[in-house]
Amino acid sequence: MQRIGNFLIHASRSDRVGLNLMLREDISPNVQDYDNITALHLAASEGHDSIVELLLHYKVDVNLDDRWHKTGKETNGMTAAGNRENITGDSSSSTGEGDERDDSR
């Protein structure tokens, strides 16, 4: 239980090194806490794009539901931008061609 807690803390604090070490030690990227929250839910809700990317690299299941029936990919409707994978699990990356960005915000 403590190992799962530590893993989720690394994700919520954007600790890429700690998370990567645990993933290399064969912890599943899909572990869930008592509310069925995953590292992907936490990283997405906090806006930690690099953690989302790392979890996608380790083949995290983006369709796992939490207690409130939200998946990791639905959490805040987040997607990674630029040349990174998006949270839908699509491993095709953007080349930037044809990308239109509204920077007026």
PDB file of N, CA and C in Angstrom:
ATOM      1  N   MET A   1       0.812  -1.197   0.000  1.00  0.00           N
ATOM      2  CA  MET A   1       0.000   0.000   0.000  1.00  0.00           C
ATOM      3  C   MET A   1       0.857   1.262   0.000  1.00  0.00           C
ATOM      4  N   GLN A   2       1.931   1.246   0.808  1.00  0.00           N
ATOM      5  CA  GLN A   2       2.798   2.410   0.885  1.00  0.00           C
ATOM      6  C   GLN A   2       3.496   2.659  -0.454  1.00  0.00           C
ATOM      7  N   ARG A   3       3.830   1.590  -1.155  1.00  0.00           N
ATOM      8  CA  ARG A   3       4.480   1.727  -2.458  1.00  0.00           C
ATOM      9  C   ARG A   3       3.554   2.429  -3.452  1.00  0.00           C
ATOM     10  N   ILE A   4       2.280   2.069  -3.433  1.00  0.00           N
ATOM     11  CA  ILE A   4       1.299   2.724  -4.310  1.00  0.00           C
ATOM     12  C   ILE A   4       1.174   4.187  -3.933  1.00  0.00           C
ATOM     13  N   GLY A   5       1.105   4.469  -2.649  1.00  0.00           N
ATOM     14  CA  GLY A   5       1.019   5.846  -2.179  1.00  0.00           C
ATOM     15  C   GLY A   5       2.211   6.677  -2.627  1.00  0.00           C
ATOM     16  N   ASN A   6       3.400   6.117  -2.518  1.00  0.00           N
ATOM     17  CA  ASN A   6       4.603   6.827  -2.950  1.00  0.00           C
ATOM     18  C   ASN A   6       4.580   7.092  -4.451  1.00  0.00           C
ATOM     19  N   PHE A   7       4.130   6.112  -5.202  1.00  0.00           N
ATOM     20  CA  PHE A   7       4.037   6.261  -6.653  1.00  0.00           C
ATOM     21  C   PHE A   7       3.099   7.405  -7.027  1.00  0.00           C
ATOM     22  N   LEU A   8       1.951   7.442  -6.391  1.00  0.00           N
ATOM     23  CA  LEU A   8       0.968   8.491  -6.678  1.00  0.00           C
ATOM     24  C   LEU A   8       1.454   9.864  -6.214  1.00  0.00           C
ATOM     25  N   ILE A   9       2.193   9.900  -5.128  1.00  0.00           N
ATOM     26  CA  ILE A   9       2.768  11.171  -4.663  1.00  0.00           C
ATOM     27  C   ILE A   9       3.763  11.704  -5.688  1.00  0.00           C
ATOM     28  N   HIS A  10       4.592  10.808  -6.225  1.00  0.00           N
ATOM     29  CA  HIS A  10       5.542  11.234  -7.263  1.00  0.00           C
ATOM     30  C   HIS A  10       4.795  11.860  -8.443  1.00  0.00           C
ATOM     31  N   ALA A  11       3.687  11.253  -8.840  1.00  0.00           N
ATOM     32  CA  ALA A  11       2.909  11.774  -9.976  1.00  0.00           C
ATOM     33  C   ALA A  11       2.295  13.132  -9.645  1.00  0.00           C
ATOM     34  N   SER A  12       1.736  13.269  -8.457  1.00  0.00           N
ATOM     35  CA  SER A  12       1.063  14.524  -8.100  1.00  0.00           C
ATOM     36  C   SER A  12       2.045  15.672  -7.890  1.00  0.00           C
ATOM     37  N   ARG A  13       3.276  15.350  -7.529  1.00  0.00           N
ATOM     38  CA  ARG A  13       4.294  16.385  -7.299  1.00  0.00           C
ATOM     39  C   ARG A  13       5.190  16.606  -8.517  1.00  0.00           C
ATOM     40  N   SER A  14       4.872  15.952  -9.600  1.00  0.00           N
ATOM     41  CA  SER A  14       5.645  16.060 -10.835  1.00  0.00           C
ATOM     42  C   SER A  14       7.091  15.621 -10.636  1.00  0.00           C
ATOM     43  N   ASP A  15       7.279  14.574  -9.845  1.00  0.00           N
ATOM     44  CA  ASP A  15       8.610  14.018  -9.587  1.00  0.00           C
ATOM     45  C   ASP A  15       8.897  12.953 -10.630  1.00  0.00           C
ATOM     46  N   ARG A  16       9.381  13.408 -11.773  1.00  0.00           N
ATOM     47  CA  ARG A  16       9.636  12.509 -12.908  1.00  0.00           C
ATOM     48  C   ARG A  16      10.702  11.461 -12.584  1.00  0.00           C
ATOM     49  N   VAL A  17      11.728  11.853 -11.865  1.00  0.00           N
ATOM     50  CA  VAL A  17      12.814  10.928 -11.526  1.00  0.00           C
ATOM     51  C   VAL A  17      12.289   9.808 -10.620  1.00  0.00           C
ATOM     52  N   GLY A  18      11.586  10.186  -9.557  1.00  0.00           N
ATOM     53  CA  GLY A  18      11.054   9.184  -8.635  1.00  0.00           C
ATOM     54  C   GLY A  18      10.058   8.255  -9.300  1.00  0.00           C
ATOM     55  N   LEU A  19       9.197   8.815 -10.130  1.00  0.00           N
ATOM     56  CA  LEU A  19       8.198   8.016 -10.838  1.00  0.00           C
ATOM     57  C   LEU A  19       8.873   7.052 -11.806  1.00  0.00           C
ATOM     58  N   ASN A  20       9.848   7.560 -12.551  1.00  0.00           N
ATOM     59  CA  ASN A  20      10.554   6.728 -13.522  1.00  0.00           C
ATOM     60  C   ASN A  20      11.291   5.576 -12.832  1.00  0.00           C
ATOM     61  N   LEU A  21      11.906   5.853 -11.684  1.00  0.00           N
ATOM     62  CA  LEU A  21      12.586   4.789 -10.935  1.00  0.00           C
ATOM     63  C   LEU A  21      11.617   3.682 -10.549  1.00  0.00           C
ATOM     64  N   MET A  22      10.458   4.071 -10.055  1.00  0.00           N
ATOM     65  CA  MET A  22       9.471   3.066  -9.649  1.00  0.00           C
ATOM     66  C   MET A  22       8.942   2.286 -10.850  1.00  0.00           C
ATOM     67  N   LEU A  23       8.745   2.969 -11.972  1.00  0.00           N
ATOM     68  CA  LEU A  23       8.284   2.283 -13.180  1.00  0.00           C
ATOM     69  C   LEU A  23       9.329   1.294 -13.681  1.00  0.00           C
ATOM     70  N   ARG A  24      10.586   1.672 -13.580  1.00  0.00           N
ATOM     71  CA  ARG A  24      11.676   0.770 -13.985  1.00  0.00           C
ATOM     72  C   ARG A  24      11.779  -0.432 -13.060  1.00  0.00           C
ATOM     73  N   GLU A  25      11.309  -0.266 -11.822  1.00  0.00           N
ATOM     74  CA  GLU A  25      11.294  -1.370 -10.864  1.00  0.00           C
ATOM     75  C   GLU A  25      10.028  -2.206 -11.008  1.00  0.00           C
ATOM     76  N   ASP A  26       9.327  -2.022 -12.098  1.00  0.00           N
ATOM     77  CA  ASP A  26       8.162  -2.828 -12.478  1.00  0.00           C
ATOM     78  C   ASP A  26       6.883  -2.574 -11.702  1.00  0.00           C
ATOM     79  N   ILE A  27       6.706  -1.377 -11.136  1.00  0.00           N
ATOM     80  CA  ILE A  27       5.386  -1.048 -10.607  1.00  0.00           C
ATOM     81  C   ILE A  27       4.498  -0.759 -11.821  1.00  0.00           C
ATOM     82  N   SER A  28       3.282  -1.183 -11.774  1.00  0.00           N
ATOM     83  CA  SER A  28       2.363  -0.944 -12.879  1.00  0.00           C
ATOM     84  C   SER A  28       1.989   0.531 -12.943  1.00  0.00           C
ATOM     85  N   PRO A  29       1.978   1.125 -14.137  1.00  0.00           N
ATOM     86  CA  PRO A  29       1.537   2.518 -14.240  1.00  0.00           C
ATOM     87  C   PRO A  29       0.049   2.672 -13.957  1.00  0.00           C
ATOM     88  N   ASN A  30      -0.653   1.552 -13.827  1.00  0.00           N
ATOM     89  CA  ASN A  30      -2.104   1.560 -13.649  1.00  0.00           C
ATOM     90  C   ASN A  30      -2.555   1.364 -12.204  1.00  0.00           C
ATOM     91  N   VAL A  31      -1.630   1.429 -11.225  1.00  0.00           N
ATOM     92  CA  VAL A  31      -2.065   1.245  -9.841  1.00  0.00           C
ATOM     93  C   VAL A  31      -3.057   2.337  -9.462  1.00  0.00           C
ATOM     94  N   GLN A  32      -3.987   1.969  -8.584  1.00  0.00           N
ATOM     95  CA  GLN A  32      -5.047   2.883  -8.170  1.00  0.00           C
ATOM     96  C   GLN A  32      -5.129   2.940  -6.653  1.00  0.00           C
ATOM     97  N   ASP A  33      -5.550   4.098  -6.130  1.00  0.00           N
ATOM     98  CA  ASP A  33      -5.742   4.225  -4.690  1.00  0.00           C
ATOM     99  C   ASP A  33      -7.161   3.792  -4.320  1.00  0.00           C
ATOM    100  N   TYR A  34      -7.583   4.075  -3.111  1.00  0.00           N
ATOM    101  CA  TYR A  34      -8.898   3.652  -2.616  1.00  0.00           C
ATOM    102  C   TYR A  34     -10.058   4.308  -3.359  1.00  0.00           C
ATOM    103  N   ASP A  35      -9.812   5.427  -4.031  1.00  0.00           N
ATOM    104  CA  ASP A  35     -10.831   6.072  -4.863  1.00  0.00           C
ATOM    105  C   ASP A  35     -10.645   5.725  -6.339  1.00  0.00           C
ATOM    106  N   ASN A  36      -9.814   4.735  -6.598  1.00  0.00           N
ATOM    107  CA  ASN A  36      -9.480   4.292  -7.958  1.00  0.00           C
ATOM    108  C   ASN A  36      -8.769   5.363  -8.783  1.00  0.00           C
ATOM    109  N   ILE A  37      -8.159   6.313  -8.109  1.00  0.00           N
ATOM    110  CA  ILE A  37      -7.407   7.355  -8.795  1.00  0.00           C
ATOM    111  C   ILE A  37      -6.041   6.812  -9.182  1.00  0.00           C
ATOM    112  N   THR A  38      -5.624   7.116 -10.395  1.00  0.00           N
ATOM    113  CA  THR A  38      -4.334   6.667 -10.900  1.00  0.00           C
ATOM    114  C   THR A  38      -3.356   7.835 -10.954  1.00  0.00           C
ATOM    115  N   ALA A  39      -2.114   7.515 -11.233  1.00  0.00           N
ATOM    116  CA  ALA A  39      -1.096   8.547 -11.420  1.00  0.00           C
ATOM    117  C   ALA A  39      -1.478   9.443 -12.595  1.00  0.00           C
ATOM    118  N   LEU A  40      -2.109   8.871 -13.612  1.00  0.00           N
ATOM    119  CA  LEU A  40      -2.543   9.659 -14.764  1.00  0.00           C
ATOM    120  C   LEU A  40      -3.607  10.681 -14.362  1.00  0.00           C
ATOM    121  N   HIS A  41      -4.563  10.269 -13.542  1.00  0.00           N
ATOM    122  CA  HIS A  41      -5.573  11.211 -13.048  1.00  0.00           C
ATOM    123  C   HIS A  41      -4.897  12.389 -12.341  1.00  0.00           C
ATOM    124  N   LEU A  42      -3.955  12.070 -11.469  1.00  0.00           N
ATOM    125  CA  LEU A  42      -3.288  13.113 -10.678  1.00  0.00           C
ATOM    126  C   LEU A  42      -2.447  14.034 -11.551  1.00  0.00           C
ATOM    127  N   ALA A  43      -1.652  13.451 -12.421  1.00  0.00           N
ATOM    128  CA  ALA A  43      -0.786  14.260 -13.282  1.00  0.00           C
ATOM    129  C   ALA A  43      -1.609  15.152 -14.205  1.00  0.00           C
ATOM    130  N   ALA A  44      -2.672  14.605 -14.767  1.00  0.00           N
ATOM    131  CA  ALA A  44      -3.519  15.385 -15.673  1.00  0.00           C
ATOM    132  C   ALA A  44      -4.212  16.520 -14.931  1.00  0.00           C
ATOM    133  N   SER A  45      -4.711  16.240 -13.733  1.00  0.00           N
ATOM    134  CA  SER A  45      -5.431  17.272 -12.985  1.00  0.00           C
ATOM    135  C   SER A  45      -4.511  18.396 -12.520  1.00  0.00           C
ATOM    136  N   GLU A  46      -3.223  18.097 -12.348  1.00  0.00           N
ATOM    137  CA  GLU A  46      -2.256  19.105 -11.913  1.00  0.00           C
ATOM    138  C   GLU A  46      -1.554  19.781 -13.087  1.00  0.00           C
ATOM    139  N   GLY A  47      -1.809  19.304 -14.302  1.00  0.00           N
ATOM    140  CA  GLY A  47      -1.181  19.898 -15.477  1.00  0.00           C
ATOM    141  C   GLY A  47       0.267  19.503 -15.668  1.00  0.00           C
ATOM    142  N   HIS A  48       0.649  18.337 -15.181  1.00  0.00           N
ATOM    143  CA  HIS A  48       2.032  17.860 -15.288  1.00  0.00           C
ATOM    144  C   HIS A  48       2.228  17.086 -16.595  1.00  0.00           C
ATOM    145  N   ASP A  49       2.417  17.815 -17.685  1.00  0.00           N
ATOM    146  CA  ASP A  49       2.550  17.209 -19.007  1.00  0.00           C
ATOM    147  C   ASP A  49       3.675  16.176 -19.082  1.00  0.00           C
ATOM    148  N   SER A  50       4.808  16.466 -18.467  1.00  0.00           N
ATOM    149  CA  SER A  50       5.938  15.537 -18.576  1.00  0.00           C
ATOM    150  C   SER A  50       5.635  14.211 -17.876  1.00  0.00           C
ATOM    151  N   ILE A  51       4.838  14.250 -16.823  1.00  0.00           N
ATOM    152  CA  ILE A  51       4.450  13.021 -16.121  1.00  0.00           C
ATOM    153  C   ILE A  51       3.450  12.241 -16.969  1.00  0.00           C
ATOM    154  N   VAL A  52       2.511  12.949 -17.593  1.00  0.00           N
ATOM    155  CA  VAL A  52       1.560  12.299 -18.496  1.00  0.00           C
ATOM    156  C   VAL A  52       2.323  11.594 -19.615  1.00  0.00           C
ATOM    157  N   GLU A  53       3.290  12.271 -20.196  1.00  0.00           N
ATOM    158  CA  GLU A  53       4.096  11.681 -21.272  1.00  0.00           C
ATOM    159  C   GLU A  53       4.829  10.433 -20.799  1.00  0.00           C
ATOM    160  N   LEU A  54       5.412  10.505 -19.609  1.00  0.00           N
ATOM    161  CA  LEU A  54       6.131   9.358 -19.065  1.00  0.00           C
ATOM    162  C   LEU A  54       5.192   8.168 -18.873  1.00  0.00           C
ATOM    163  N   LEU A  55       4.025   8.421 -18.307  1.00  0.00           N
ATOM    164  CA  LEU A  55       3.053   7.349 -18.096  1.00  0.00           C
ATOM    165  C   LEU A  55       2.583   6.750 -19.419  1.00  0.00           C
ATOM    166  N   LEU A  56       2.378   7.589 -20.420  1.00  0.00           N
ATOM    167  CA  LEU A  56       1.993   7.086 -21.742  1.00  0.00           C
ATOM    168  C   LEU A  56       3.101   6.219 -22.333  1.00  0.00           C
ATOM    169  N   HIS A  57       4.343   6.605 -22.117  1.00  0.00           N
ATOM    170  CA  HIS A  57       5.480   5.814 -22.581  1.00  0.00           C
ATOM    171  C   HIS A  57       5.446   4.411 -21.977  1.00  0.00           C
ATOM    172  N   TYR A  58       5.019   4.322 -20.728  1.00  0.00           N
ATOM    173  CA  TYR A  58       4.927   3.036 -20.041  1.00  0.00           C
ATOM    174  C   TYR A  58       3.564   2.358 -20.246  1.00  0.00           C
ATOM    175  N   LYS A  59       2.839   2.819 -21.236  1.00  0.00           N
ATOM    176  CA  LYS A  59       1.574   2.193 -21.662  1.00  0.00           C
ATOM    177  C   LYS A  59       0.494   2.212 -20.588  1.00  0.00           C
ATOM    178  N   VAL A  60       0.330   3.357 -19.921  1.00  0.00           N
ATOM    179  CA  VAL A  60      -0.734   3.503 -18.934  1.00  0.00           C
ATOM    180  C   VAL A  60      -2.089   3.337 -19.627  1.00  0.00           C
ATOM    181  N   ASP A  61      -3.038   2.754 -18.935  1.00  0.00           N
ATOM    182  CA  ASP A  61      -4.391   2.593 -19.461  1.00  0.00           C
ATOM    183  C   ASP A  61      -5.145   3.905 -19.241  1.00  0.00           C
ATOM    184  N   VAL A  62      -5.403   4.641 -20.308  1.00  0.00           N
ATOM    185  CA  VAL A  62      -6.055   5.950 -20.209  1.00  0.00           C
ATOM    186  C   VAL A  62      -7.554   5.836 -19.953  1.00  0.00           C
ATOM    187  N   ASN A  63      -8.075   4.623 -19.977  1.00  0.00           N
ATOM    188  CA  ASN A  63      -9.516   4.429 -19.822  1.00  0.00           C
ATOM    189  C   ASN A  63      -9.935   3.899 -18.452  1.00  0.00           C
ATOM    190  N   LEU A  64      -9.023   3.868 -17.490  1.00  0.00           N
ATOM    191  CA  LEU A  64      -9.400   3.422 -16.145  1.00  0.00           C
ATOM    192  C   LEU A  64     -10.256   4.484 -15.472  1.00  0.00           C
ATOM    193  N   ASP A  65     -11.384   4.058 -14.915  1.00  0.00           N
ATOM    194  CA  ASP A  65     -12.300   4.964 -14.215  1.00  0.00           C
ATOM    195  C   ASP A  65     -11.889   5.136 -12.764  1.00  0.00           C
ATOM    196  N   ASP A  66     -12.066   6.362 -12.266  1.00  0.00           N
ATOM    197  CA  ASP A  66     -11.918   6.582 -10.838  1.00  0.00           C
ATOM    198  C   ASP A  66     -13.284   6.381 -10.175  1.00  0.00           C
ATOM    199  N   ARG A  67     -13.368   6.669  -8.913  1.00  0.00           N
ATOM    200  CA  ARG A  67     -14.605   6.493  -8.139  1.00  0.00           C
ATOM    201  C   ARG A  67     -15.775   7.285  -8.728  1.00  0.00           C
ATOM    202  N   TRP A  68     -15.479   8.402  -9.390  1.00  0.00           N
ATOM    203  CA  TRP A  68     -16.502   9.273  -9.947  1.00  0.00           C
ATOM    204  C   TRP A  68     -16.732   9.019 -11.435  1.00  0.00           C
ATOM    205  N   HIS A  69     -16.216   7.877 -11.899  1.00  0.00           N
ATOM    206  CA  HIS A  69     -16.386   7.425 -13.286  1.00  0.00           C
ATOM    207  C   HIS A  69     -15.739   8.339 -14.314  1.00  0.00           C
ATOM    208  N   LYS A  70     -14.648   8.980 -13.933  1.00  0.00           N
ATOM    209  CA  LYS A  70     -13.850   9.776 -14.869  1.00  0.00           C
ATOM    210  C   LYS A  70     -12.597   8.997 -15.213  1.00  0.00           C
ATOM    211  N   THR A  71     -12.248   9.013 -16.478  1.00  0.00           N
ATOM    212  CA  THR A  71     -11.013   8.368 -16.896  1.00  0.00           C
ATOM    213  C   THR A  71      -9.874   9.370 -16.815  1.00  0.00           C
ATOM    214  N   GLY A  72      -8.670   8.863 -16.899  1.00  0.00           N
ATOM    215  CA  GLY A  72      -7.504   9.739 -16.893  1.00  0.00           C
ATOM    216  C   GLY A  72      -7.521  10.715 -18.050  1.00  0.00           C
ATOM    217  N   LYS A  73      -7.998  10.262 -19.199  1.00  0.00           N
ATOM    218  CA  LYS A  73      -8.014  11.159 -20.358  1.00  0.00           C
ATOM    219  C   LYS A  73      -9.117  12.202 -20.260  1.00  0.00           C
ATOM    220  N   GLU A  74     -10.111  11.980 -19.400  1.00  0.00           N
ATOM    221  CA  GLU A  74     -11.176  12.968 -19.216  1.00  0.00           C
ATOM    222  C   GLU A  74     -10.832  14.009 -18.147  1.00  0.00           C
ATOM    223  N   THR A  75      -9.859  13.697 -17.314  1.00  0.00           N
ATOM    224  CA  THR A  75      -9.515  14.591 -16.217  1.00  0.00           C
ATOM    225  C   THR A  75      -9.068  15.937 -16.759  1.00  0.00           C
ATOM    226  N   ASN A  76      -9.842  16.946 -16.498  1.00  0.00           N
ATOM    227  CA  ASN A  76      -9.607  18.315 -16.964  1.00  0.00           C
ATOM    228  C   ASN A  76      -9.521  18.424 -18.481  1.00  0.00           C
ATOM    229  N   GLY A  77      -9.919  17.393 -19.208  1.00  0.00           N
ATOM    230  CA  GLY A  77      -9.874  17.444 -20.659  1.00  0.00           C
ATOM    231  C   GLY A  77      -8.477  17.732 -21.176  1.00  0.00           C
ATOM    232  N   MET A  78      -7.470  17.329 -20.419  1.00  0.00           N
ATOM    233  CA  MET A  78      -6.094  17.696 -20.729  1.00  0.00           C
ATOM    234  C   MET A  78      -5.532  16.911 -21.897  1.00  0.00           C
ATOM    235  N   THR A  79      -4.786  17.593 -22.736  1.00  0.00           N
ATOM    236  CA  THR A  79      -3.970  16.933 -23.754  1.00  0.00           C
ATOM    237  C   THR A  79      -2.609  17.579 -23.763  1.00  0.00           C
ATOM    238  N   ALA A  80      -1.620  16.799 -24.016  1.00  0.00           N
ATOM    239  CA  ALA A  80      -0.270  17.354 -24.131  1.00  0.00           C
ATOM    240  C   ALA A  80      -0.165  18.070 -25.466  1.00  0.00           C
ATOM    241  N   ALA A  81       0.640  19.103 -25.531  1.00  0.00           N
ATOM    242  CA  ALA A  81       0.721  19.936 -26.735  1.00  0.00           C
ATOM    243  C   ALA A  81       2.035  19.724 -27.473  1.00  0.00           C
ATOM    244  N   GLY A  82       2.146  20.386 -28.604  1.00  0.00           N
ATOM    245  CA  GLY A  82       3.391  20.396 -29.360  1.00  0.00           C
ATOM    246  C   GLY A  82       3.763  19.046 -29.914  1.00  0.00           C
ATOM    247  N   ASN A  83       4.999  18.662 -29.723  1.00  0.00           N
ATOM    248  CA  ASN A  83       5.514  17.417 -30.280  1.00  0.00           C
ATOM    249  C   ASN A  83       5.364  16.246 -29.319  1.00  0.00           C
ATOM    250  N   ARG A  84       4.433  16.360 -28.399  1.00  0.00           N
ATOM    251  CA  ARG A  84       4.260  15.297 -27.414  1.00  0.00           C
ATOM    252  C   ARG A  84       3.015  14.483 -27.721  1.00  0.00           C
ATOM    253  N   GLU A  85       2.971  13.288 -27.131  1.00  0.00           N
ATOM    254  CA  GLU A  85       1.811  12.423 -27.292  1.00  0.00           C
ATOM    255  C   GLU A  85       0.623  13.057 -26.584  1.00  0.00           C
ATOM    256  N   ASN A  86      -0.563  12.777 -27.074  1.00  0.00           N
ATOM    257  CA  ASN A  86      -1.725  13.309 -26.362  1.00  0.00           C
ATOM    258  C   ASN A  86      -2.262  12.261 -25.409  1.00  0.00           C
ATOM    259  N   ILE A  87      -3.072  12.679 -24.496  1.00  0.00           N
ATOM    260  CA  ILE A  87      -3.541  11.819 -23.417  1.00  0.00           C
ATOM    261  C   ILE A  87      -4.520  10.744 -23.889  1.00  0.00           C
ATOM    262  N   THR A  88      -4.923  10.797 -25.144  1.00  0.00           N
ATOM    263  CA  THR A  88      -5.809   9.766 -25.652  1.00  0.00           C
ATOM    264  C   THR A  88      -5.058   8.466 -25.869  1.00  0.00           C
ATOM    265  N   GLY A  89      -3.742   8.515 -25.729  1.00  0.00           N
ATOM    266  CA  GLY A  89      -2.952   7.318 -25.923  1.00  0.00           C
ATOM    267  C   GLY A  89      -2.466   7.174 -27.343  1.00  0.00           C
ATOM    268  N   ASP A  90      -2.785   8.135 -28.197  1.00  0.00           N
ATOM    269  CA  ASP A  90      -2.331   8.110 -29.581  1.00  0.00           C
ATOM    270  C   ASP A  90      -0.852   8.415 -29.593  1.00  0.00           C
ATOM    271  N   SER A  91      -0.041   7.461 -30.020  1.00  0.00           N
ATOM    272  CA  SER A  91       1.399   7.650 -29.954  1.00  0.00           C
ATOM    273  C   SER A  91       1.948   8.412 -31.142  1.00  0.00           C
ATOM    274  N   SER A  92       1.088   8.827 -32.075  1.00  0.00           N
ATOM    275  CA  SER A  92       1.592   9.632 -33.177  1.00  0.00           C
ATOM    276  C   SER A  92       1.841  11.036 -32.681  1.00  0.00           C
ATOM    277  N   SER A  93       2.987  11.570 -33.028  1.00  0.00           N
ATOM    278  CA  SER A  93       3.316  12.912 -32.553  1.00  0.00           C
ATOM    279  C   SER A  93       3.072  13.934 -33.640  1.00  0.00           C
ATOM    280  N   SER A  94       2.896  15.147 -33.209  1.00  0.00           N
ATOM    281  CA  SER A  94       2.647  16.250 -34.126  1.00  0.00           C
ATOM    282  C   SER A  94       3.960  16.743 -34.700  1.00  0.00           C
ATOM    283  N   THR A  95       3.960  17.085 -35.962  1.00  0.00           N
ATOM    284  CA  THR A  95       5.153  17.646 -36.580  1.00  0.00           C
ATOM    285  C   THR A  95       5.113  19.148 -36.541  1.00  0.00           C
ATOM    286  N   GLY A  96       3.981  19.680 -36.132  1.00  0.00           N
ATOM    287  CA  GLY A  96       3.819  21.117 -36.104  1.00  0.00           C
ATOM    288  C   GLY A  96       3.232  21.647 -37.388  1.00  0.00           C
ATOM    289  N   GLU A  97       3.225  20.829 -38.449  1.00  0.00           N
ATOM    290  CA  GLU A  97       2.656  21.266 -39.714  1.00  0.00           C
ATOM    291  C   GLU A  97       1.148  21.304 -39.598  1.00  0.00           C
ATOM    292  N   GLY A  98       0.575  22.408 -40.008  1.00  0.00           N
ATOM    293  CA  GLY A  98      -0.873  22.532 -39.982  1.00  0.00           C
ATOM    294  C   GLY A  98      -1.432  22.817 -38.609  1.00  0.00           C
ATOM    295  N   ASP A  99      -0.568  22.879 -37.588  1.00  0.00           N
ATOM    296  CA  ASP A  99      -1.037  23.199 -36.249  1.00  0.00           C
ATOM    297  C   ASP A  99      -1.347  24.684 -36.173  1.00  0.00           C
ATOM    298  N   GLU A 100      -2.526  24.984 -35.711  1.00  0.00           N
ATOM    299  CA  GLU A 100      -2.880  26.382 -35.515  1.00  0.00           C
ATOM    300  C   GLU A 100      -3.101  26.582 -34.044  1.00  0.00           C
ATOM    301  N   ARG A 101      -2.461  27.574 -33.512  1.00  0.00           N
ATOM    302  CA  ARG A 101      -2.539  27.839 -32.087  1.00  0.00           C
ATOM    303  C   ARG A 101      -3.064  29.252 -31.874  1.00  0.00           C
ATOM    304  N   ASP A 102      -4.009  29.379 -30.969  1.00  0.00           N
ATOM    305  CA  ASP A 102      -4.547  30.685 -30.622  1.00  0.00           C
ATOM    306  C   ASP A 102      -3.771  31.216 -29.430  1.00  0.00           C
ATOM    307  N   ASP A 103      -2.817  32.102 -29.675  1.00  0.00           N
ATOM    308  CA  ASP A 103      -2.005  32.672 -28.608  1.00  0.00           C
ATOM    309  C   ASP A 103      -2.595  33.955 -28.042  1.00  0.00           C
ATOM    310  N   SER A 104      -3.829  34.259 -28.405  1.00  0.00           N
ATOM    311  CA  SER A 104      -4.448  35.507 -27.951  1.00  0.00           C
ATOM    312  C   SER A 104      -4.998  35.417 -26.537  1.00  0.00           C
ATOM    313  N   ARG A 105      -4.907  34.228 -25.924  1.00  0.00           N
ATOM    314  CA  ARG A 105      -5.453  34.061 -24.574  1.00  0.00           C
ATOM    315  C   ARG A 105      -4.656  34.745 -23.553  1.00  0.00           C
TER     316      ARG A 105
END
